[in-house]
Amino acid sequence: MVFLCIPNAILLIPEDFVVIFIHYFLDLQFMQYITVSAKVKRELYEKIKKYNISVSKVIRRALEEEEIKRKLNEAQAILRKIPLDEIVNSIRESREKNDAF
């Protein structure tokens, strides 16, 4: 248990709750947003309004997917440097270890 002192009160709180609260509080403090804008053709803008598309969600999702794609490309570039026979041997050893159990 942890004693939490606030003006005009002293609270007795389980330690794990304090850790969760601090984590949540820190996440909120460091989660900062910026505005991103894009120019689109008038036709597209009209379709966005017509279909009630959330531009923020679409842009956010597209940027997250692009980040994932780029990370995968980086990982592929690293993996391509590993000789194929080394990968095969590693898989074989892993299977043999699992079969031993």
PDB file of N, CA and C in Angstrom:
ATOM      1  N   MET A   1       0.828  -1.176   0.000  1.00  0.00           N
ATOM      2  CA  MET A   1       0.000   0.000   0.000  1.00  0.00           C
ATOM      3  C   MET A   1       0.881   1.252   0.000  1.00  0.00           C
ATOM      4  N   VAL A   2       0.367   2.284  -0.603  1.00  0.00           N
ATOM      5  CA  VAL A   2       1.094   3.538  -0.714  1.00  0.00           C
ATOM      6  C   VAL A   2       0.211   4.651  -0.162  1.00  0.00           C
ATOM      7  N   PHE A   3       0.817   5.550   0.562  1.00  0.00           N
ATOM      8  CA  PHE A   3       0.096   6.733   1.037  1.00  0.00           C
ATOM      9  C   PHE A   3       0.262   7.818  -0.006  1.00  0.00           C
ATOM     10  N   LEU A   4      -0.827   8.342  -0.462  1.00  0.00           N
ATOM     11  CA  LEU A   4      -0.801   9.421  -1.435  1.00  0.00           C
ATOM     12  C   LEU A   4      -1.358  10.663  -0.761  1.00  0.00           C
ATOM     13  N   CYS A   5      -0.529  11.675  -0.656  1.00  0.00           N
ATOM     14  CA  CYS A   5      -0.949  12.906   0.016  1.00  0.00           C
ATOM     15  C   CYS A   5      -1.371  13.932  -1.027  1.00  0.00           C
ATOM     16  N   ILE A   6      -2.587  14.390  -0.901  1.00  0.00           N
ATOM     17  CA  ILE A   6      -3.092  15.460  -1.747  1.00  0.00           C
ATOM     18  C   ILE A   6      -3.667  16.517  -0.810  1.00  0.00           C
ATOM     19  N   PRO A   7      -3.887  17.727  -1.277  1.00  0.00           N
ATOM     20  CA  PRO A   7      -4.422  18.753  -0.368  1.00  0.00           C
ATOM     21  C   PRO A   7      -5.693  18.278   0.339  1.00  0.00           C
ATOM     22  N   ASN A   8      -5.693  18.401   1.640  1.00  0.00           N
ATOM     23  CA  ASN A   8      -6.842  18.075   2.497  1.00  0.00           C
ATOM     24  C   ASN A   8      -7.175  16.591   2.563  1.00  0.00           C
ATOM     25  N   ALA A   9      -6.262  15.714   2.132  1.00  0.00           N
ATOM     26  CA  ALA A   9      -6.574  14.279   2.216  1.00  0.00           C
ATOM     27  C   ALA A   9      -5.302  13.444   2.146  1.00  0.00           C
ATOM     28  N   ILE A  10      -5.369  12.276   2.736  1.00  0.00           N
ATOM     29  CA  ILE A  10      -4.319  11.273   2.608  1.00  0.00           C
ATOM     30  C   ILE A  10      -5.022   9.992   2.174  1.00  0.00           C
ATOM     31  N   LEU A  11      -4.593   9.442   1.031  1.00  0.00           N
ATOM     32  CA  LEU A  11      -5.242   8.255   0.491  1.00  0.00           C
ATOM     33  C   LEU A  11      -4.323   7.048   0.639  1.00  0.00           C
ATOM     34  N   LEU A  12      -4.897   5.903   0.913  1.00  0.00           N
ATOM     35  CA  LEU A  12      -4.177   4.642   0.974  1.00  0.00           C
ATOM     36  C   LEU A  12      -4.528   3.873  -0.288  1.00  0.00           C
ATOM     37  N   ILE A  13      -3.536   3.646  -1.161  1.00  0.00           N
ATOM     38  CA  ILE A  13      -3.795   3.076  -2.481  1.00  0.00           C
ATOM     39  C   ILE A  13      -2.891   1.867  -2.711  1.00  0.00           C
ATOM     40  N   PRO A  14      -3.410   0.797  -3.342  1.00  0.00           N
ATOM     41  CA  PRO A  14      -2.554  -0.349  -3.688  1.00  0.00           C
ATOM     42  C   PRO A  14      -1.432   0.100  -4.626  1.00  0.00           C
ATOM     43  N   GLU A  15      -0.229  -0.468  -4.448  1.00  0.00           N
ATOM     44  CA  GLU A  15       0.938  -0.055  -5.229  1.00  0.00           C
ATOM     45  C   GLU A  15       0.740  -0.228  -6.727  1.00  0.00           C
ATOM     46  N   ASP A  16       0.121  -1.331  -7.156  1.00  0.00           N
ATOM     47  CA  ASP A  16      -0.040  -1.562  -8.594  1.00  0.00           C
ATOM     48  C   ASP A  16      -0.944  -0.504  -9.223  1.00  0.00           C
ATOM     49  N   PHE A  17      -1.903   0.020  -8.472  1.00  0.00           N
ATOM     50  CA  PHE A  17      -2.753   1.085  -8.998  1.00  0.00           C
ATOM     51  C   PHE A  17      -1.935   2.343  -9.231  1.00  0.00           C
ATOM     52  N   VAL A  18      -1.023   2.637  -8.330  1.00  0.00           N
ATOM     53  CA  VAL A  18      -0.182   3.829  -8.471  1.00  0.00           C
ATOM     54  C   VAL A  18       0.685   3.704  -9.709  1.00  0.00           C
ATOM     55  N   VAL A  19       1.253   2.526  -9.930  1.00  0.00           N
ATOM     56  CA  VAL A  19       2.089   2.310 -11.103  1.00  0.00           C
ATOM     57  C   VAL A  19       1.273   2.499 -12.372  1.00  0.00           C
ATOM     58  N   ILE A  20       0.073   1.944 -12.413  1.00  0.00           N
ATOM     59  CA  ILE A  20      -0.779   2.092 -13.589  1.00  0.00           C
ATOM     60  C   ILE A  20      -1.137   3.557 -13.790  1.00  0.00           C
ATOM     61  N   PHE A  21      -1.493   4.242 -12.707  1.00  0.00           N
ATOM     62  CA  PHE A  21      -1.868   5.651 -12.806  1.00  0.00           C
ATOM     63  C   PHE A  21      -0.694   6.481 -13.313  1.00  0.00           C
ATOM     64  N   ILE A  22       0.494   6.263 -12.768  1.00  0.00           N
ATOM     65  CA  ILE A  22       1.670   7.027 -13.195  1.00  0.00           C
ATOM     66  C   ILE A  22       1.946   6.764 -14.667  1.00  0.00           C
ATOM     67  N   HIS A  23       1.867   5.502 -15.080  1.00  0.00           N
ATOM     68  CA  HIS A  23       2.102   5.152 -16.481  1.00  0.00           C
ATOM     69  C   HIS A  23       1.087   5.870 -17.376  1.00  0.00           C
ATOM     70  N   TYR A  24      -0.171   5.832 -16.997  1.00  0.00           N
ATOM     71  CA  TYR A  24      -1.223   6.480 -17.769  1.00  0.00           C
ATOM     72  C   TYR A  24      -0.986   7.986 -17.822  1.00  0.00           C
ATOM     73  N   PHE A  25      -0.632   8.579 -16.702  1.00  0.00           N
ATOM     74  CA  PHE A  25      -0.392  10.016 -16.638  1.00  0.00           C
ATOM     75  C   PHE A  25       0.786  10.396 -17.526  1.00  0.00           C
ATOM     76  N   LEU A  26       1.858   9.629 -17.467  1.00  0.00           N
ATOM     77  CA  LEU A  26       3.035   9.933 -18.290  1.00  0.00           C
ATOM     78  C   LEU A  26       2.710   9.797 -19.772  1.00  0.00           C
ATOM     79  N   ASP A  27       1.943   8.773 -20.135  1.00  0.00           N
ATOM     80  CA  ASP A  27       1.559   8.599 -21.528  1.00  0.00           C
ATOM     81  C   ASP A  27       0.768   9.804 -22.023  1.00  0.00           C
ATOM     82  N   LEU A  28      -0.130  10.307 -21.196  1.00  0.00           N
ATOM     83  CA  LEU A  28      -0.930  11.459 -21.602  1.00  0.00           C
ATOM     84  C   LEU A  28      -0.074  12.700 -21.765  1.00  0.00           C
ATOM     85  N   GLN A  29       0.909  12.857 -20.890  1.00  0.00           N
ATOM     86  CA  GLN A  29       1.748  14.043 -20.969  1.00  0.00           C
ATOM     87  C   GLN A  29       2.634  14.036 -22.211  1.00  0.00           C
ATOM     88  N   PHE A  30       3.148  12.881 -22.591  1.00  0.00           N
ATOM     89  CA  PHE A  30       4.087  12.830 -23.703  1.00  0.00           C
ATOM     90  C   PHE A  30       3.410  12.610 -25.042  1.00  0.00           C
ATOM     91  N   MET A  31       2.109  12.333 -25.034  1.00  0.00           N
ATOM     92  CA  MET A  31       1.393  12.100 -26.274  1.00  0.00           C
ATOM     93  C   MET A  31       0.999  13.454 -26.856  1.00  0.00           C
ATOM     94  N   GLN A  32       1.836  13.967 -27.713  1.00  0.00           N
ATOM     95  CA  GLN A  32       1.553  15.262 -28.305  1.00  0.00           C
ATOM     96  C   GLN A  32       1.189  15.069 -29.761  1.00  0.00           C
ATOM     97  N   TYR A  33       0.284  15.876 -30.223  1.00  0.00           N
ATOM     98  CA  TYR A  33      -0.181  15.777 -31.590  1.00  0.00           C
ATOM     99  C   TYR A  33       0.258  17.005 -32.371  1.00  0.00           C
ATOM    100  N   ILE A  34       0.417  16.822 -33.647  1.00  0.00           N
ATOM    101  CA  ILE A  34       0.668  17.930 -34.559  1.00  0.00           C
ATOM    102  C   ILE A  34      -0.378  17.863 -35.656  1.00  0.00           C
ATOM    103  N   THR A  35      -0.543  18.942 -36.354  1.00  0.00           N
ATOM    104  CA  THR A  35      -1.508  18.974 -37.448  1.00  0.00           C
ATOM    105  C   THR A  35      -0.784  18.698 -38.754  1.00  0.00           C
ATOM    106  N   VAL A  36      -1.362  17.808 -39.534  1.00  0.00           N
ATOM    107  CA  VAL A  36      -0.835  17.483 -40.859  1.00  0.00           C
ATOM    108  C   VAL A  36      -1.898  17.878 -41.860  1.00  0.00           C
ATOM    109  N   SER A  37      -1.488  18.557 -42.908  1.00  0.00           N
ATOM    110  CA  SER A  37      -2.483  18.951 -43.912  1.00  0.00           C
ATOM    111  C   SER A  37      -2.064  18.424 -45.275  1.00  0.00           C
ATOM    112  N   ALA A  38      -3.035  18.335 -46.163  1.00  0.00           N
ATOM    113  CA  ALA A  38      -2.771  17.866 -47.522  1.00  0.00           C
ATOM    114  C   ALA A  38      -3.713  18.578 -48.472  1.00  0.00           C
ATOM    115  N   LYS A  39      -3.233  18.846 -49.666  1.00  0.00           N
ATOM    116  CA  LYS A  39      -4.092  19.431 -50.690  1.00  0.00           C
ATOM    117  C   LYS A  39      -4.667  18.295 -51.527  1.00  0.00           C
ATOM    118  N   VAL A  40      -5.964  18.368 -51.758  1.00  0.00           N
ATOM    119  CA  VAL A  40      -6.639  17.361 -52.575  1.00  0.00           C
ATOM    120  C   VAL A  40      -7.485  18.082 -53.623  1.00  0.00           C
ATOM    121  N   LYS A  41      -7.780  17.368 -54.693  1.00  0.00           N
ATOM    122  CA  LYS A  41      -8.634  17.947 -55.732  1.00  0.00           C
ATOM    123  C   LYS A  41     -10.040  18.166 -55.171  1.00  0.00           C
ATOM    124  N   ARG A  42     -10.705  19.163 -55.684  1.00  0.00           N
ATOM    125  CA  ARG A  42     -12.049  19.498 -55.214  1.00  0.00           C
ATOM    126  C   ARG A  42     -12.983  18.294 -55.323  1.00  0.00           C
ATOM    127  N   GLU A  43     -12.869  17.522 -56.423  1.00  0.00           N
ATOM    128  CA  GLU A  43     -13.725  16.327 -56.599  1.00  0.00           C
ATOM    129  C   GLU A  43     -13.567  15.375 -55.425  1.00  0.00           C
ATOM    130  N   LEU A  44     -12.323  15.141 -55.063  1.00  0.00           N
ATOM    131  CA  LEU A  44     -12.048  14.218 -53.965  1.00  0.00           C
ATOM    132  C   LEU A  44     -12.612  14.770 -52.662  1.00  0.00           C
ATOM    133  N   TYR A  45     -12.432  16.051 -52.423  1.00  0.00           N
ATOM    134  CA  TYR A  45     -12.959  16.683 -51.215  1.00  0.00           C
ATOM    135  C   TYR A  45     -14.475  16.524 -51.135  1.00  0.00           C
ATOM    136  N   GLU A  46     -15.129  16.709 -52.259  1.00  0.00           N
ATOM    137  CA  GLU A  46     -16.590  16.575 -52.278  1.00  0.00           C
ATOM    138  C   GLU A  46     -17.014  15.139 -51.983  1.00  0.00           C
ATOM    139  N   LYS A  47     -16.254  14.164 -52.487  1.00  0.00           N
ATOM    140  CA  LYS A  47     -16.562  12.760 -52.195  1.00  0.00           C
ATOM    141  C   LYS A  47     -16.324  12.446 -50.724  1.00  0.00           C
ATOM    142  N   ILE A  48     -15.273  13.029 -50.159  1.00  0.00           N
ATOM    143  CA  ILE A  48     -14.983  12.829 -48.737  1.00  0.00           C
ATOM    144  C   ILE A  48     -16.158  13.312 -47.906  1.00  0.00           C
ATOM    145  N   LYS A  49     -16.669  14.476 -48.249  1.00  0.00           N
ATOM    146  CA  LYS A  49     -17.816  15.029 -47.512  1.00  0.00           C
ATOM    147  C   LYS A  49     -19.078  14.200 -47.762  1.00  0.00           C
ATOM    148  N   LYS A  50     -19.275  13.792 -49.011  1.00  0.00           N
ATOM    149  CA  LYS A  50     -20.466  13.027 -49.376  1.00  0.00           C
ATOM    150  C   LYS A  50     -20.542  11.716 -48.593  1.00  0.00           C
ATOM    151  N   TYR A  51     -19.407  11.020 -48.491  1.00  0.00           N
ATOM    152  CA  TYR A  51     -19.380   9.721 -47.821  1.00  0.00           C
ATOM    153  C   TYR A  51     -19.028   9.832 -46.334  1.00  0.00           C
ATOM    154  N   ASN A  52     -18.916  11.070 -45.856  1.00  0.00           N
ATOM    155  CA  ASN A  52     -18.630  11.314 -44.442  1.00  0.00           C
ATOM    156  C   ASN A  52     -17.388  10.553 -43.972  1.00  0.00           C
ATOM    157  N   ILE A  53     -16.317  10.685 -44.728  1.00  0.00           N
ATOM    158  CA  ILE A  53     -15.062   9.999 -44.434  1.00  0.00           C
ATOM    159  C   ILE A  53     -14.287  10.809 -43.399  1.00  0.00           C
ATOM    160  N   SER A  54     -13.774  10.124 -42.377  1.00  0.00           N
ATOM    161  CA  SER A  54     -12.937  10.782 -41.378  1.00  0.00           C
ATOM    162  C   SER A  54     -11.516  10.876 -41.929  1.00  0.00           C
ATOM    163  N   VAL A  55     -11.174  12.057 -42.402  1.00  0.00           N
ATOM    164  CA  VAL A  55      -9.857  12.267 -43.010  1.00  0.00           C
ATOM    165  C   VAL A  55      -8.751  11.975 -42.005  1.00  0.00           C
ATOM    166  N   SER A  56      -8.931  12.379 -40.767  1.00  0.00           N
ATOM    167  CA  SER A  56      -7.919  12.145 -39.734  1.00  0.00           C
ATOM    168  C   SER A  56      -7.612  10.659 -39.585  1.00  0.00           C
ATOM    169  N   LYS A  57      -8.672   9.854 -39.507  1.00  0.00           N
ATOM    170  CA  LYS A  57      -8.468   8.407 -39.350  1.00  0.00           C
ATOM    171  C   LYS A  57      -7.771   7.811 -40.556  1.00  0.00           C
ATOM    172  N   VAL A  58      -8.157   8.245 -41.747  1.00  0.00           N
ATOM    173  CA  VAL A  58      -7.560   7.706 -42.975  1.00  0.00           C
ATOM    174  C   VAL A  58      -6.079   8.074 -43.056  1.00  0.00           C
ATOM    175  N   ILE A  59      -5.771   9.325 -42.775  1.00  0.00           N
ATOM    176  CA  ILE A  59      -4.372   9.764 -42.832  1.00  0.00           C
ATOM    177  C   ILE A  59      -3.556   9.042 -41.777  1.00  0.00           C
ATOM    178  N   ARG A  60      -4.089   8.965 -40.551  1.00  0.00           N
ATOM    179  CA  ARG A  60      -3.374   8.289 -39.471  1.00  0.00           C
ATOM    180  C   ARG A  60      -3.077   6.844 -39.842  1.00  0.00           C
ATOM    181  N   ARG A  61      -4.105   6.133 -40.349  1.00  0.00           N
ATOM    182  CA  ARG A  61      -3.934   4.727 -40.723  1.00  0.00           C
ATOM    183  C   ARG A  61      -2.917   4.582 -41.850  1.00  0.00           C
ATOM    184  N   ALA A  62      -3.002   5.465 -42.853  1.00  0.00           N
ATOM    185  CA  ALA A  62      -2.077   5.390 -43.989  1.00  0.00           C
ATOM    186  C   ALA A  62      -0.636   5.626 -43.535  1.00  0.00           C
ATOM    187  N   LEU A  63      -0.437   6.587 -42.647  1.00  0.00           N
ATOM    188  CA  LEU A  63       0.916   6.862 -42.164  1.00  0.00           C
ATOM    189  C   LEU A  63       1.450   5.713 -41.314  1.00  0.00           C
ATOM    190  N   GLU A  64       0.588   5.126 -40.493  1.00  0.00           N
ATOM    191  CA  GLU A  64       1.009   3.973 -39.687  1.00  0.00           C
ATOM    192  C   GLU A  64       1.374   2.795 -40.583  1.00  0.00           C
ATOM    193  N   GLU A  65       0.575   2.549 -41.624  1.00  0.00           N
ATOM    194  CA  GLU A  65       0.870   1.455 -42.558  1.00  0.00           C
ATOM    195  C   GLU A  65       2.178   1.716 -43.304  1.00  0.00           C
ATOM    196  N   GLU A  66       2.418   2.965 -43.675  1.00  0.00           N
ATOM    197  CA  GLU A  66       3.665   3.312 -44.362  1.00  0.00           C
ATOM    198  C   GLU A  66       4.858   3.088 -43.448  1.00  0.00           C
ATOM    199  N   GLU A  67       4.714   3.425 -42.181  1.00  0.00           N
ATOM    200  CA  GLU A  67       5.793   3.192 -41.224  1.00  0.00           C
ATOM    201  C   GLU A  67       6.092   1.697 -41.116  1.00  0.00           C
ATOM    202  N   ILE A  68       5.042   0.888 -41.030  1.00  0.00           N
ATOM    203  CA  ILE A  68       5.215  -0.568 -40.942  1.00  0.00           C
ATOM    204  C   ILE A  68       5.914  -1.093 -42.191  1.00  0.00           C
ATOM    205  N   LYS A  69       5.485  -0.613 -43.361  1.00  0.00           N
ATOM    206  CA  LYS A  69       6.109  -1.045 -44.614  1.00  0.00           C
ATOM    207  C   LYS A  69       7.598  -0.745 -44.626  1.00  0.00           C
ATOM    208  N   ARG A  70       7.949   0.447 -44.194  1.00  0.00           N
ATOM    209  CA  ARG A  70       9.358   0.844 -44.194  1.00  0.00           C
ATOM    210  C   ARG A  70      10.176   0.030 -43.196  1.00  0.00           C
ATOM    211  N   LYS A  71       9.595  -0.256 -42.030  1.00  0.00           N
ATOM    212  CA  LYS A  71      10.291  -1.093 -41.044  1.00  0.00           C
ATOM    213  C   LYS A  71      10.503  -2.496 -41.598  1.00  0.00           C
ATOM    214  N   LEU A  72       9.490  -3.023 -42.291  1.00  0.00           N
ATOM    215  CA  LEU A  72       9.639  -4.352 -42.891  1.00  0.00           C
ATOM    216  C   LEU A  72      10.719  -4.353 -43.959  1.00  0.00           C
ATOM    217  N   ASN A  73      10.791  -3.298 -44.760  1.00  0.00           N
ATOM    218  CA  ASN A  73      11.839  -3.198 -45.775  1.00  0.00           C
ATOM    219  C   ASN A  73      13.218  -3.161 -45.139  1.00  0.00           C
ATOM    220  N   GLU A  74      13.348  -2.427 -44.031  1.00  0.00           N
ATOM    221  CA  GLU A  74      14.621  -2.392 -43.311  1.00  0.00           C
ATOM    222  C   GLU A  74      14.992  -3.781 -42.790  1.00  0.00           C
ATOM    223  N   ALA A  75      13.998  -4.472 -42.226  1.00  0.00           N
ATOM    224  CA  ALA A  75      14.240  -5.818 -41.706  1.00  0.00           C
ATOM    225  C   ALA A  75      14.639  -6.769 -42.828  1.00  0.00           C
ATOM    226  N   GLN A  76      13.970  -6.664 -43.983  1.00  0.00           N
ATOM    227  CA  GLN A  76      14.316  -7.512 -45.129  1.00  0.00           C
ATOM    228  C   GLN A  76      15.747  -7.262 -45.576  1.00  0.00           C
ATOM    229  N   ALA A  77      16.151  -6.003 -45.593  1.00  0.00           N
ATOM    230  CA  ALA A  77      17.518  -5.675 -46.008  1.00  0.00           C
ATOM    231  C   ALA A  77      18.537  -6.317 -45.066  1.00  0.00           C
ATOM    232  N   ILE A  78      18.223  -6.325 -43.778  1.00  0.00           N
ATOM    233  CA  ILE A  78      19.122  -6.954 -42.802  1.00  0.00           C
ATOM    234  C   ILE A  78      19.131  -8.459 -42.994  1.00  0.00           C
ATOM    235  N   LEU A  79      17.946  -9.048 -43.170  1.00  0.00           N
ATOM    236  CA  LEU A  79      17.856 -10.508 -43.313  1.00  0.00           C
ATOM    237  C   LEU A  79      18.521 -11.002 -44.591  1.00  0.00           C
ATOM    238  N   ARG A  80      18.502 -10.187 -45.641  1.00  0.00           N
ATOM    239  CA  ARG A  80      19.139 -10.594 -46.900  1.00  0.00           C
ATOM    240  C   ARG A  80      20.646 -10.742 -46.747  1.00  0.00           C
ATOM    241  N   LYS A  81      21.214 -10.091 -45.744  1.00  0.00           N
ATOM    242  CA  LYS A  81      22.660 -10.172 -45.509  1.00  0.00           C
ATOM    243  C   LYS A  81      23.061 -11.485 -44.848  1.00  0.00           C
ATOM    244  N   ILE A  82      22.074 -12.192 -44.263  1.00  0.00           N
ATOM    245  CA  ILE A  82      22.362 -13.457 -43.590  1.00  0.00           C
ATOM    246  C   ILE A  82      22.374 -14.564 -44.642  1.00  0.00           C
ATOM    247  N   PRO A  83      23.453 -15.342 -44.699  1.00  0.00           N
ATOM    248  CA  PRO A  83      23.522 -16.436 -45.684  1.00  0.00           C
ATOM    249  C   PRO A  83      22.389 -17.454 -45.473  1.00  0.00           C
ATOM    250  N   LEU A  84      21.861 -17.964 -46.585  1.00  0.00           N
ATOM    251  CA  LEU A  84      20.738 -18.894 -46.547  1.00  0.00           C
ATOM    252  C   LEU A  84      21.065 -20.149 -45.739  1.00  0.00           C
ATOM    253  N   ASP A  85      22.266 -20.692 -45.883  1.00  0.00           N
ATOM    254  CA  ASP A  85      22.615 -21.905 -45.142  1.00  0.00           C
ATOM    255  C   ASP A  85      22.621 -21.669 -43.631  1.00  0.00           C
ATOM    256  N   GLU A  86      22.944 -20.441 -43.215  1.00  0.00           N
ATOM    257  CA  GLU A  86      22.909 -20.113 -41.789  1.00  0.00           C
ATOM    258  C   GLU A  86      21.469 -20.110 -41.272  1.00  0.00           C
ATOM    259  N   ILE A  87      20.554 -19.611 -42.074  1.00  0.00           N
ATOM    260  CA  ILE A  87      19.137 -19.593 -41.703  1.00  0.00           C
ATOM    261  C   ILE A  87      18.605 -21.018 -41.614  1.00  0.00           C
ATOM    262  N   VAL A  88      18.937 -21.837 -42.609  1.00  0.00           N
ATOM    263  CA  VAL A  88      18.485 -23.234 -42.634  1.00  0.00           C
ATOM    264  C   VAL A  88      19.009 -23.976 -41.417  1.00  0.00           C
ATOM    265  N   ASN A  89      20.290 -23.795 -41.106  1.00  0.00           N
ATOM    266  CA  ASN A  89      20.873 -24.469 -39.942  1.00  0.00           C
ATOM    267  C   ASN A  89      20.204 -24.018 -38.637  1.00  0.00           C
ATOM    268  N   SER A  90      19.909 -22.747 -38.540  1.00  0.00           N
ATOM    269  CA  SER A  90      19.259 -22.212 -37.341  1.00  0.00           C
ATOM    270  C   SER A  90      17.869 -22.815 -37.171  1.00  0.00           C
ATOM    271  N   ILE A  91      17.111 -22.905 -38.248  1.00  0.00           N
ATOM    272  CA  ILE A  91      15.769 -23.512 -38.197  1.00  0.00           C
ATOM    273  C   ILE A  91      15.874 -24.980 -37.814  1.00  0.00           C
ATOM    274  N   ARG A  92      16.825 -25.673 -38.413  1.00  0.00           N
ATOM    275  CA  ARG A  92      17.014 -27.104 -38.130  1.00  0.00           C
ATOM    276  C   ARG A  92      17.347 -27.315 -36.648  1.00  0.00           C
ATOM    277  N   GLU A  93      18.264 -26.498 -36.112  1.00  0.00           N
ATOM    278  CA  GLU A  93      18.640 -26.616 -34.694  1.00  0.00           C
ATOM    279  C   GLU A  93      17.441 -26.338 -33.791  1.00  0.00           C
ATOM    280  N   SER A  94      16.655 -25.352 -34.137  1.00  0.00           N
ATOM    281  CA  SER A  94      15.478 -25.005 -33.350  1.00  0.00           C
ATOM    282  C   SER A  94      14.494 -26.166 -33.321  1.00  0.00           C
ATOM    283  N   ARG A  95      14.278 -26.788 -34.462  1.00  0.00           N
ATOM    284  CA  ARG A  95      13.350 -27.935 -34.530  1.00  0.00           C
ATOM    285  C   ARG A  95      13.868 -29.106 -33.707  1.00  0.00           C
ATOM    286  N   GLU A  96      15.173 -29.328 -33.770  1.00  0.00           N
ATOM    287  CA  GLU A  96      15.757 -30.439 -33.029  1.00  0.00           C
ATOM    288  C   GLU A  96      15.634 -30.209 -31.522  1.00  0.00           C
ATOM    289  N   LYS A  97      15.818 -28.971 -31.073  1.00  0.00           N
ATOM    290  CA  LYS A  97      15.662 -28.651 -29.664  1.00  0.00           C
ATOM    291  C   LYS A  97      14.226 -28.889 -29.218  1.00  0.00           C
ATOM    292  N   ASN A  98      13.257 -28.489 -30.047  1.00  0.00           N
ATOM    293  CA  ASN A  98      11.851 -28.667 -29.693  1.00  0.00           C
ATOM    294  C   ASN A  98      11.449 -30.128 -29.706  1.00  0.00           C
ATOM    295  N   ASP A  99      12.040 -30.920 -30.600  1.00  0.00           N
ATOM    296  CA  ASP A  99      11.736 -32.354 -30.666  1.00  0.00           C
ATOM    297  C   ASP A  99      12.298 -33.086 -29.459  1.00  0.00           C
ATOM    298  N   ALA A 100      13.370 -32.563 -28.854  1.00  0.00           N
ATOM    299  CA  ALA A 100      13.994 -33.192 -27.699  1.00  0.00           C
ATOM    300  C   ALA A 100      13.088 -33.167 -26.483  1.00  0.00           C
ATOM    301  N   PHE A 101      12.179 -32.210 -26.431  1.00  0.00           N
ATOM    302  CA  PHE A 101      11.266 -32.118 -25.288  1.00  0.00           C
ATOM    303  C   PHE A 101      10.131 -33.041 -25.516  1.00  0.00           C
TER     304      PHE A 101
END
